[in-house]
């Protein structure tokens, strides 16, 4: 299941838990790449409760998790407790689902929500700025937006930089190295309506693409589109 459209008004977050001896590299990576990796919270090593959701366990609160070993996906459990290690440092990273209520309020339709699908996500040919042992491409989410509303979508999301902010591209997907918008790397293919154009936002699934390239010995992430839903109101991440 996807959490898109399931928690209107609540901020959602991407999750990655990585061994402590890799945590500085990852923190530096997020600092150098704030567009795809805006940090909302960082937990101490072994800690399992975030200030963003004090009655939830980061090992069980997301609908589904991914377990990574040496850059390879080895399991996708609904509960990550049995895989947990006390040396893991958990990062919660802003998610574009957080700005979707604001888009709807501005009259921008959400095709993936209307169709009961996950958002489409693509690995681009834009390389993130490396940090220590971590390197890899940026991932983007794509939404079909009526061409007449692209400027409004840009303005609405630009006010929420902590959850990826303004789009990184619109129109021709080839400018991001995406050859076929009907074949996403993560999530679902979503059907456009007449007059729609593809609009792309930096995506918090970027760390998973980085895991595949950098191959740390172990990590836990959420499954794409199956987010850690917080108790924070989405407007808390709006500026101006």
C-alpha atoms as a PDB file:
ATOM      1  CA  UNK A   1       0.000   0.000   0.000  1.00  0.00           C
ATOM      2  CA  UNK A   2       1.057   3.587  -0.526  1.00  0.00           C
ATOM      3  CA  UNK A   3       0.593   6.305   2.080  1.00  0.00           C
ATOM      4  CA  UNK A   4      -0.146   8.903  -0.633  1.00  0.00           C
ATOM      5  CA  UNK A   5      -3.456  10.545   0.225  1.00  0.00           C
ATOM      6  CA  UNK A   6      -3.892   8.543   3.450  1.00  0.00           C
ATOM      7  CA  UNK A   7      -2.882  11.190   5.994  1.00  0.00           C
ATOM      8  CA  UNK A   8      -3.978  14.603   4.724  1.00  0.00           C
ATOM      9  CA  UNK A   9      -2.530  17.426   6.778  1.00  0.00           C
ATOM     10  CA  UNK A  10       0.203  15.286   8.325  1.00  0.00           C
ATOM     11  CA  UNK A  11       3.860  15.391   7.346  1.00  0.00           C
ATOM     12  CA  UNK A  12       5.337  12.164   6.007  1.00  0.00           C
ATOM     13  CA  UNK A  13       8.969  11.111   5.996  1.00  0.00           C
ATOM     14  CA  UNK A  14      11.426   8.862   4.231  1.00  0.00           C
ATOM     15  CA  UNK A  15      13.430   6.630   6.552  1.00  0.00           C
ATOM     16  CA  UNK A  16      16.957   5.282   6.445  1.00  0.00           C
ATOM     17  CA  UNK A  17      18.819   3.596   9.305  1.00  0.00           C
ATOM     18  CA  UNK A  18      22.518   3.136   8.674  1.00  0.00           C
ATOM     19  CA  UNK A  19      25.401   1.875  10.861  1.00  0.00           C
ATOM     20  CA  UNK A  20      26.957   4.500  13.107  1.00  0.00           C
ATOM     21  CA  UNK A  21      30.333   4.287  11.365  1.00  0.00           C
ATOM     22  CA  UNK A  22      28.582   5.391   8.136  1.00  0.00           C
ATOM     23  CA  UNK A  23      26.309   7.961   9.774  1.00  0.00           C
ATOM     24  CA  UNK A  24      28.680  10.926   9.455  1.00  0.00           C
ATOM     25  CA  UNK A  25      29.126  10.221   5.750  1.00  0.00           C
ATOM     26  CA  UNK A  26      25.346  10.146   5.362  1.00  0.00           C
ATOM     27  CA  UNK A  27      24.814  13.324   7.388  1.00  0.00           C
ATOM     28  CA  UNK A  28      27.407  15.056   5.211  1.00  0.00           C
ATOM     29  CA  UNK A  29      25.678  13.674   2.116  1.00  0.00           C
ATOM     30  CA  UNK A  30      22.349  15.187   3.210  1.00  0.00           C
ATOM     31  CA  UNK A  31      24.034  18.524   3.906  1.00  0.00           C
ATOM     32  CA  UNK A  32      25.550  18.564   0.425  1.00  0.00           C
ATOM     33  CA  UNK A  33      22.334  17.386  -1.243  1.00  0.00           C
ATOM     34  CA  UNK A  34      19.492  19.133   0.618  1.00  0.00           C
ATOM     35  CA  UNK A  35      17.075  19.088  -2.317  1.00  0.00           C
ATOM     36  CA  UNK A  36      16.608  15.289  -2.410  1.00  0.00           C
ATOM     37  CA  UNK A  37      17.620  14.731   1.232  1.00  0.00           C
ATOM     38  CA  UNK A  38      16.149  17.407   3.540  1.00  0.00           C
ATOM     39  CA  UNK A  39      16.630  16.107   7.085  1.00  0.00           C
ATOM     40  CA  UNK A  40      13.662  16.353   9.485  1.00  0.00           C
ATOM     41  CA  UNK A  41      15.126  14.360  12.383  1.00  0.00           C
ATOM     42  CA  UNK A  42      18.160  12.261  13.315  1.00  0.00           C
ATOM     43  CA  UNK A  43      17.980   9.685  16.110  1.00  0.00           C
ATOM     44  CA  UNK A  44      20.842   8.583  18.325  1.00  0.00           C
ATOM     45  CA  UNK A  45      22.404   5.196  17.584  1.00  0.00           C
ATOM     46  CA  UNK A  46      19.990   2.468  18.616  1.00  0.00           C
ATOM     47  CA  UNK A  47      17.151   4.890  19.346  1.00  0.00           C
ATOM     48  CA  UNK A  48      13.776   3.839  17.928  1.00  0.00           C
ATOM     49  CA  UNK A  49      11.418   6.738  18.722  1.00  0.00           C
ATOM     50  CA  UNK A  50      11.420  10.096  16.923  1.00  0.00           C
ATOM     51  CA  UNK A  51      10.244  13.399  18.364  1.00  0.00           C
ATOM     52  CA  UNK A  52       8.122  13.664  15.213  1.00  0.00           C
ATOM     53  CA  UNK A  53       5.992  10.670  16.284  1.00  0.00           C
ATOM     54  CA  UNK A  54       6.504   9.926  19.957  1.00  0.00           C
ATOM     55  CA  UNK A  55       4.048   7.043  20.177  1.00  0.00           C
ATOM     56  CA  UNK A  56       5.562   5.082  17.273  1.00  0.00           C
ATOM     57  CA  UNK A  57       8.544   2.799  16.776  1.00  0.00           C
ATOM     58  CA  UNK A  58      10.618   3.516  13.654  1.00  0.00           C
ATOM     59  CA  UNK A  59      11.001  -0.263  13.178  1.00  0.00           C
ATOM     60  CA  UNK A  60       7.260  -0.885  12.842  1.00  0.00           C
ATOM     61  CA  UNK A  61       5.429   2.334  11.932  1.00  0.00           C
ATOM     62  CA  UNK A  62       6.017   2.367   8.161  1.00  0.00           C
ATOM     63  CA  UNK A  63       3.799  -0.038   6.172  1.00  0.00           C
ATOM     64  CA  UNK A  64       6.796  -1.829   4.662  1.00  0.00           C
ATOM     65  CA  UNK A  65      10.595  -1.751   4.959  1.00  0.00           C
ATOM     66  CA  UNK A  66      13.581  -2.684   2.846  1.00  0.00           C
ATOM     67  CA  UNK A  67      16.643  -4.478   4.207  1.00  0.00           C
ATOM     68  CA  UNK A  68      19.937  -3.860   2.395  1.00  0.00           C
ATOM     69  CA  UNK A  69      23.214  -5.771   2.571  1.00  0.00           C
ATOM     70  CA  UNK A  70      26.199  -4.531   0.569  1.00  0.00           C
ATOM     71  CA  UNK A  71      23.906  -2.527  -1.671  1.00  0.00           C
ATOM     72  CA  UNK A  72      21.624  -5.472  -2.417  1.00  0.00           C
ATOM     73  CA  UNK A  73      17.955  -5.624  -1.432  1.00  0.00           C
ATOM     74  CA  UNK A  74      17.575  -8.817   0.646  1.00  0.00           C
ATOM     75  CA  UNK A  75      14.134  -8.490   2.292  1.00  0.00           C
ATOM     76  CA  UNK A  76      10.988  -6.349   2.337  1.00  0.00           C
ATOM     77  CA  UNK A  77       9.318  -7.008   5.705  1.00  0.00           C
ATOM     78  CA  UNK A  78       6.331  -5.224   7.207  1.00  0.00           C
ATOM     79  CA  UNK A  79       8.188  -5.184  10.525  1.00  0.00           C
ATOM     80  CA  UNK A  80      11.933  -4.457  10.697  1.00  0.00           C
ATOM     81  CA  UNK A  81      12.408  -5.338  14.364  1.00  0.00           C
ATOM     82  CA  UNK A  82      14.156  -8.664  13.765  1.00  0.00           C
ATOM     83  CA  UNK A  83      16.710  -6.937  11.535  1.00  0.00           C
ATOM     84  CA  UNK A  84      17.409  -4.109  13.965  1.00  0.00           C
ATOM     85  CA  UNK A  85      20.913  -3.403  15.257  1.00  0.00           C
ATOM     86  CA  UNK A  86      21.855  -1.195  18.184  1.00  0.00           C
ATOM     87  CA  UNK A  87      24.457   0.643  16.100  1.00  0.00           C
ATOM     88  CA  UNK A  88      21.897   1.979  13.610  1.00  0.00           C
ATOM     89  CA  UNK A  89      21.403   5.731  13.293  1.00  0.00           C
ATOM     90  CA  UNK A  90      17.994   6.620  11.858  1.00  0.00           C
ATOM     91  CA  UNK A  91      17.414   9.614   9.606  1.00  0.00           C
ATOM     92  CA  UNK A  92      13.936  10.895   8.751  1.00  0.00           C
ATOM     93  CA  UNK A  93      13.940  12.847   5.497  1.00  0.00           C
ATOM     94  CA  UNK A  94      11.253  15.105   4.079  1.00  0.00           C
ATOM     95  CA  UNK A  95       8.711  13.581   1.683  1.00  0.00           C
ATOM     96  CA  UNK A  96       6.795  15.224  -1.144  1.00  0.00           C
ATOM     97  CA  UNK A  97       3.545  13.604   0.049  1.00  0.00           C
ATOM     98  CA  UNK A  98       3.656  16.328   2.714  1.00  0.00           C
ATOM     99  CA  UNK A  99       2.955  19.094   0.198  1.00  0.00           C
ATOM    100  CA  UNK A 100       0.131  17.276  -1.582  1.00  0.00           C
ATOM    101  CA  UNK A 101      -2.609  18.694   0.650  1.00  0.00           C
ATOM    102  CA  UNK A 102      -1.340  22.184  -0.215  1.00  0.00           C
ATOM    103  CA  UNK A 103      -1.414  21.301  -3.918  1.00  0.00           C
ATOM    104  CA  UNK A 104      -4.990  20.056  -3.683  1.00  0.00           C
ATOM    105  CA  UNK A 105      -6.010  23.179  -1.747  1.00  0.00           C
ATOM    106  CA  UNK A 106      -4.590  25.250  -4.599  1.00  0.00           C
ATOM    107  CA  UNK A 107      -6.699  23.322  -7.113  1.00  0.00           C
ATOM    108  CA  UNK A 108      -3.913  21.089  -8.437  1.00  0.00           C
ATOM    109  CA  UNK A 109      -5.194  17.527  -9.029  1.00  0.00           C
ATOM    110  CA  UNK A 110      -3.210  14.518  -7.827  1.00  0.00           C
ATOM    111  CA  UNK A 111      -3.598  11.894 -10.542  1.00  0.00           C
ATOM    112  CA  UNK A 112      -1.877   9.108  -8.593  1.00  0.00           C
ATOM    113  CA  UNK A 113      -4.162   9.605  -5.585  1.00  0.00           C
ATOM    114  CA  UNK A 114      -7.253   9.742  -7.789  1.00  0.00           C
ATOM    115  CA  UNK A 115      -6.163   6.469  -9.426  1.00  0.00           C
ATOM    116  CA  UNK A 116      -5.306   4.794  -6.101  1.00  0.00           C
ATOM    117  CA  UNK A 117      -1.660   4.426  -7.081  1.00  0.00           C
ATOM    118  CA  UNK A 118       1.770   5.165  -5.720  1.00  0.00           C
ATOM    119  CA  UNK A 119       3.565   8.147  -7.227  1.00  0.00           C
ATOM    120  CA  UNK A 120       5.963   7.439 -10.112  1.00  0.00           C
ATOM    121  CA  UNK A 121       9.664   7.683  -9.230  1.00  0.00           C
ATOM    122  CA  UNK A 122      12.665   7.647 -11.552  1.00  0.00           C
ATOM    123  CA  UNK A 123      16.438   7.427 -11.236  1.00  0.00           C
ATOM    124  CA  UNK A 124      17.909  10.393 -13.119  1.00  0.00           C
ATOM    125  CA  UNK A 125      21.294  10.950 -14.700  1.00  0.00           C
ATOM    126  CA  UNK A 126      21.924  13.843 -12.273  1.00  0.00           C
ATOM    127  CA  UNK A 127      24.686  12.810  -9.901  1.00  0.00           C
ATOM    128  CA  UNK A 128      24.458  13.949  -6.306  1.00  0.00           C
ATOM    129  CA  UNK A 129      27.470  15.610  -4.730  1.00  0.00           C
ATOM    130  CA  UNK A 130      29.497  12.780  -3.103  1.00  0.00           C
ATOM    131  CA  UNK A 131      30.244  12.685   0.613  1.00  0.00           C
ATOM    132  CA  UNK A 132      32.852  10.328   2.041  1.00  0.00           C
ATOM    133  CA  UNK A 133      32.017   6.838   0.844  1.00  0.00           C
ATOM    134  CA  UNK A 134      28.555   7.776  -0.441  1.00  0.00           C
ATOM    135  CA  UNK A 135      27.728   8.660  -4.033  1.00  0.00           C
ATOM    136  CA  UNK A 136      24.962   8.086  -6.530  1.00  0.00           C
ATOM    137  CA  UNK A 137      22.187   9.576  -8.691  1.00  0.00           C
ATOM    138  CA  UNK A 138      19.246  11.713  -7.688  1.00  0.00           C
ATOM    139  CA  UNK A 139      15.800  10.130  -7.758  1.00  0.00           C
ATOM    140  CA  UNK A 140      12.748  12.218  -8.665  1.00  0.00           C
ATOM    141  CA  UNK A 141       9.020  11.788  -8.178  1.00  0.00           C
ATOM    142  CA  UNK A 142       6.768  12.664 -11.111  1.00  0.00           C
ATOM    143  CA  UNK A 143       3.252  14.041 -11.074  1.00  0.00           C
ATOM    144  CA  UNK A 144       1.064  14.740 -14.079  1.00  0.00           C
ATOM    145  CA  UNK A 145      -0.031  18.371 -13.759  1.00  0.00           C
ATOM    146  CA  UNK A 146      -2.338  20.319 -16.085  1.00  0.00           C
ATOM    147  CA  UNK A 147      -0.085  22.647 -18.048  1.00  0.00           C
ATOM    148  CA  UNK A 148      -2.107  25.662 -16.921  1.00  0.00           C
ATOM    149  CA  UNK A 149      -1.389  24.803 -13.270  1.00  0.00           C
ATOM    150  CA  UNK A 150       2.356  24.110 -13.443  1.00  0.00           C
ATOM    151  CA  UNK A 151       3.228  27.623 -12.241  1.00  0.00           C
ATOM    152  CA  UNK A 152       0.853  27.271  -9.286  1.00  0.00           C
ATOM    153  CA  UNK A 153       2.338  23.879  -8.401  1.00  0.00           C
ATOM    154  CA  UNK A 154       5.803  25.442  -8.524  1.00  0.00           C
ATOM    155  CA  UNK A 155       4.818  28.330  -6.249  1.00  0.00           C
ATOM    156  CA  UNK A 156       3.006  26.130  -3.712  1.00  0.00           C
ATOM    157  CA  UNK A 157       5.819  23.616  -3.344  1.00  0.00           C
ATOM    158  CA  UNK A 158       8.589  26.231  -3.377  1.00  0.00           C
ATOM    159  CA  UNK A 159       7.236  27.365   0.006  1.00  0.00           C
ATOM    160  CA  UNK A 160       8.026  23.925   1.490  1.00  0.00           C
ATOM    161  CA  UNK A 161      11.793  23.386   1.029  1.00  0.00           C
ATOM    162  CA  UNK A 162      11.986  20.918   3.940  1.00  0.00           C
ATOM    163  CA  UNK A 163       9.905  18.458   1.900  1.00  0.00           C
ATOM    164  CA  UNK A 164      11.806  18.934  -1.404  1.00  0.00           C
ATOM    165  CA  UNK A 165      10.443  22.349  -2.380  1.00  0.00           C
ATOM    166  CA  UNK A 166      10.006  23.473  -5.972  1.00  0.00           C
ATOM    167  CA  UNK A 167      10.238  21.062  -8.927  1.00  0.00           C
ATOM    168  CA  UNK A 168      13.602  20.289 -10.496  1.00  0.00           C
ATOM    169  CA  UNK A 169      12.083  20.015 -13.953  1.00  0.00           C
ATOM    170  CA  UNK A 170       8.913  20.001 -16.039  1.00  0.00           C
ATOM    171  CA  UNK A 171       8.087  18.939 -19.555  1.00  0.00           C
ATOM    172  CA  UNK A 172      10.620  16.828 -21.457  1.00  0.00           C
ATOM    173  CA  UNK A 173      11.749  13.969 -19.157  1.00  0.00           C
ATOM    174  CA  UNK A 174      14.849  13.430 -21.267  1.00  0.00           C
ATOM    175  CA  UNK A 175      16.443  16.482 -19.662  1.00  0.00           C
ATOM    176  CA  UNK A 176      16.722  14.337 -16.524  1.00  0.00           C
ATOM    177  CA  UNK A 177      17.822  11.216 -18.373  1.00  0.00           C
ATOM    178  CA  UNK A 178      14.372   9.604 -18.154  1.00  0.00           C
ATOM    179  CA  UNK A 179      13.545   7.748 -21.353  1.00  0.00           C
ATOM    180  CA  UNK A 180      10.054   6.409 -20.617  1.00  0.00           C
ATOM    181  CA  UNK A 181       7.612   7.917 -18.097  1.00  0.00           C
ATOM    182  CA  UNK A 182       5.424   4.828 -18.409  1.00  0.00           C
ATOM    183  CA  UNK A 183       8.135   2.668 -16.798  1.00  0.00           C
ATOM    184  CA  UNK A 184       9.046   4.138 -13.396  1.00  0.00           C
ATOM    185  CA  UNK A 185      11.967   2.707 -11.427  1.00  0.00           C
ATOM    186  CA  UNK A 186       9.886   2.845  -8.237  1.00  0.00           C
ATOM    187  CA  UNK A 187       6.165   3.252  -7.626  1.00  0.00           C
ATOM    188  CA  UNK A 188       3.443   2.958 -10.257  1.00  0.00           C
ATOM    189  CA  UNK A 189       2.841   4.173 -13.776  1.00  0.00           C
ATOM    190  CA  UNK A 190       0.144   6.863 -13.590  1.00  0.00           C
ATOM    191  CA  UNK A 191      -2.190   7.808 -16.436  1.00  0.00           C
ATOM    192  CA  UNK A 192      -2.234  11.475 -17.509  1.00  0.00           C
ATOM    193  CA  UNK A 193      -5.304  13.440 -18.490  1.00  0.00           C
ATOM    194  CA  UNK A 194      -5.411  15.507 -21.711  1.00  0.00           C
ATOM    195  CA  UNK A 195      -3.380  18.677 -21.271  1.00  0.00           C
ATOM    196  CA  UNK A 196      -1.167  17.236 -18.515  1.00  0.00           C
ATOM    197  CA  UNK A 197       2.605  17.607 -18.498  1.00  0.00           C
ATOM    198  CA  UNK A 198       5.092  15.676 -16.335  1.00  0.00           C
ATOM    199  CA  UNK A 199       6.531  17.639 -13.410  1.00  0.00           C
ATOM    200  CA  UNK A 200       9.478  16.303 -11.416  1.00  0.00           C
ATOM    201  CA  UNK A 201      10.458  16.857  -7.798  1.00  0.00           C
ATOM    202  CA  UNK A 202      13.620  15.685  -6.013  1.00  0.00           C
ATOM    203  CA  UNK A 203      12.758  12.548  -4.049  1.00  0.00           C
ATOM    204  CA  UNK A 204      13.743  11.050  -0.707  1.00  0.00           C
ATOM    205  CA  UNK A 205      14.180   7.643  -2.344  1.00  0.00           C
ATOM    206  CA  UNK A 206      17.540   9.036  -3.494  1.00  0.00           C
ATOM    207  CA  UNK A 207      19.309   7.383  -0.501  1.00  0.00           C
ATOM    208  CA  UNK A 208      18.175   3.976  -1.780  1.00  0.00           C
ATOM    209  CA  UNK A 209      19.800   4.632  -5.153  1.00  0.00           C
ATOM    210  CA  UNK A 210      22.893   5.739  -3.234  1.00  0.00           C
ATOM    211  CA  UNK A 211      22.891   2.497  -1.224  1.00  0.00           C
ATOM    212  CA  UNK A 212      22.925   0.520  -4.481  1.00  0.00           C
ATOM    213  CA  UNK A 213      25.926   2.471  -5.764  1.00  0.00           C
ATOM    214  CA  UNK A 214      27.917   2.898  -2.541  1.00  0.00           C
ATOM    215  CA  UNK A 215      27.226  -0.553  -1.067  1.00  0.00           C
ATOM    216  CA  UNK A 216      27.455  -0.004   2.706  1.00  0.00           C
ATOM    217  CA  UNK A 217      27.397  -3.309   4.597  1.00  0.00           C
ATOM    218  CA  UNK A 218      23.894  -2.852   5.991  1.00  0.00           C
ATOM    219  CA  UNK A 219      20.937  -0.462   6.013  1.00  0.00           C
ATOM    220  CA  UNK A 220      17.191  -0.372   6.624  1.00  0.00           C
ATOM    221  CA  UNK A 221      14.871   1.909   4.644  1.00  0.00           C
ATOM    222  CA  UNK A 222      11.158   2.321   4.102  1.00  0.00           C
ATOM    223  CA  UNK A 223       9.726   0.859   0.908  1.00  0.00           C
ATOM    224  CA  UNK A 224       9.226   3.589  -1.726  1.00  0.00           C
ATOM    225  CA  UNK A 225       5.892   5.337  -1.272  1.00  0.00           C
ATOM    226  CA  UNK A 226       5.224   3.573   2.054  1.00  0.00           C
ATOM    227  CA  UNK A 227       6.208   6.356   4.359  1.00  0.00           C
ATOM    228  CA  UNK A 228       6.742   7.059   8.046  1.00  0.00           C
ATOM    229  CA  UNK A 229       3.705   9.240   8.858  1.00  0.00           C
ATOM    230  CA  UNK A 230       4.466  11.767  11.592  1.00  0.00           C
ATOM    231  CA  UNK A 231       2.305  13.774  13.977  1.00  0.00           C
ATOM    232  CA  UNK A 232       3.677  17.022  12.576  1.00  0.00           C
ATOM    233  CA  UNK A 233       1.199  19.165  10.629  1.00  0.00           C
ATOM    234  CA  UNK A 234       2.235  19.684   7.040  1.00  0.00           C
ATOM    235  CA  UNK A 235       1.998  23.475   7.398  1.00  0.00           C
ATOM    236  CA  UNK A 236       4.831  23.319   9.966  1.00  0.00           C
ATOM    237  CA  UNK A 237       7.163  22.906   6.979  1.00  0.00           C
ATOM    238  CA  UNK A 238       5.811  25.895   5.063  1.00  0.00           C
ATOM    239  CA  UNK A 239       7.897  29.055   4.982  1.00  0.00           C
ATOM    240  CA  UNK A 240       6.731  32.600   4.341  1.00  0.00           C
END
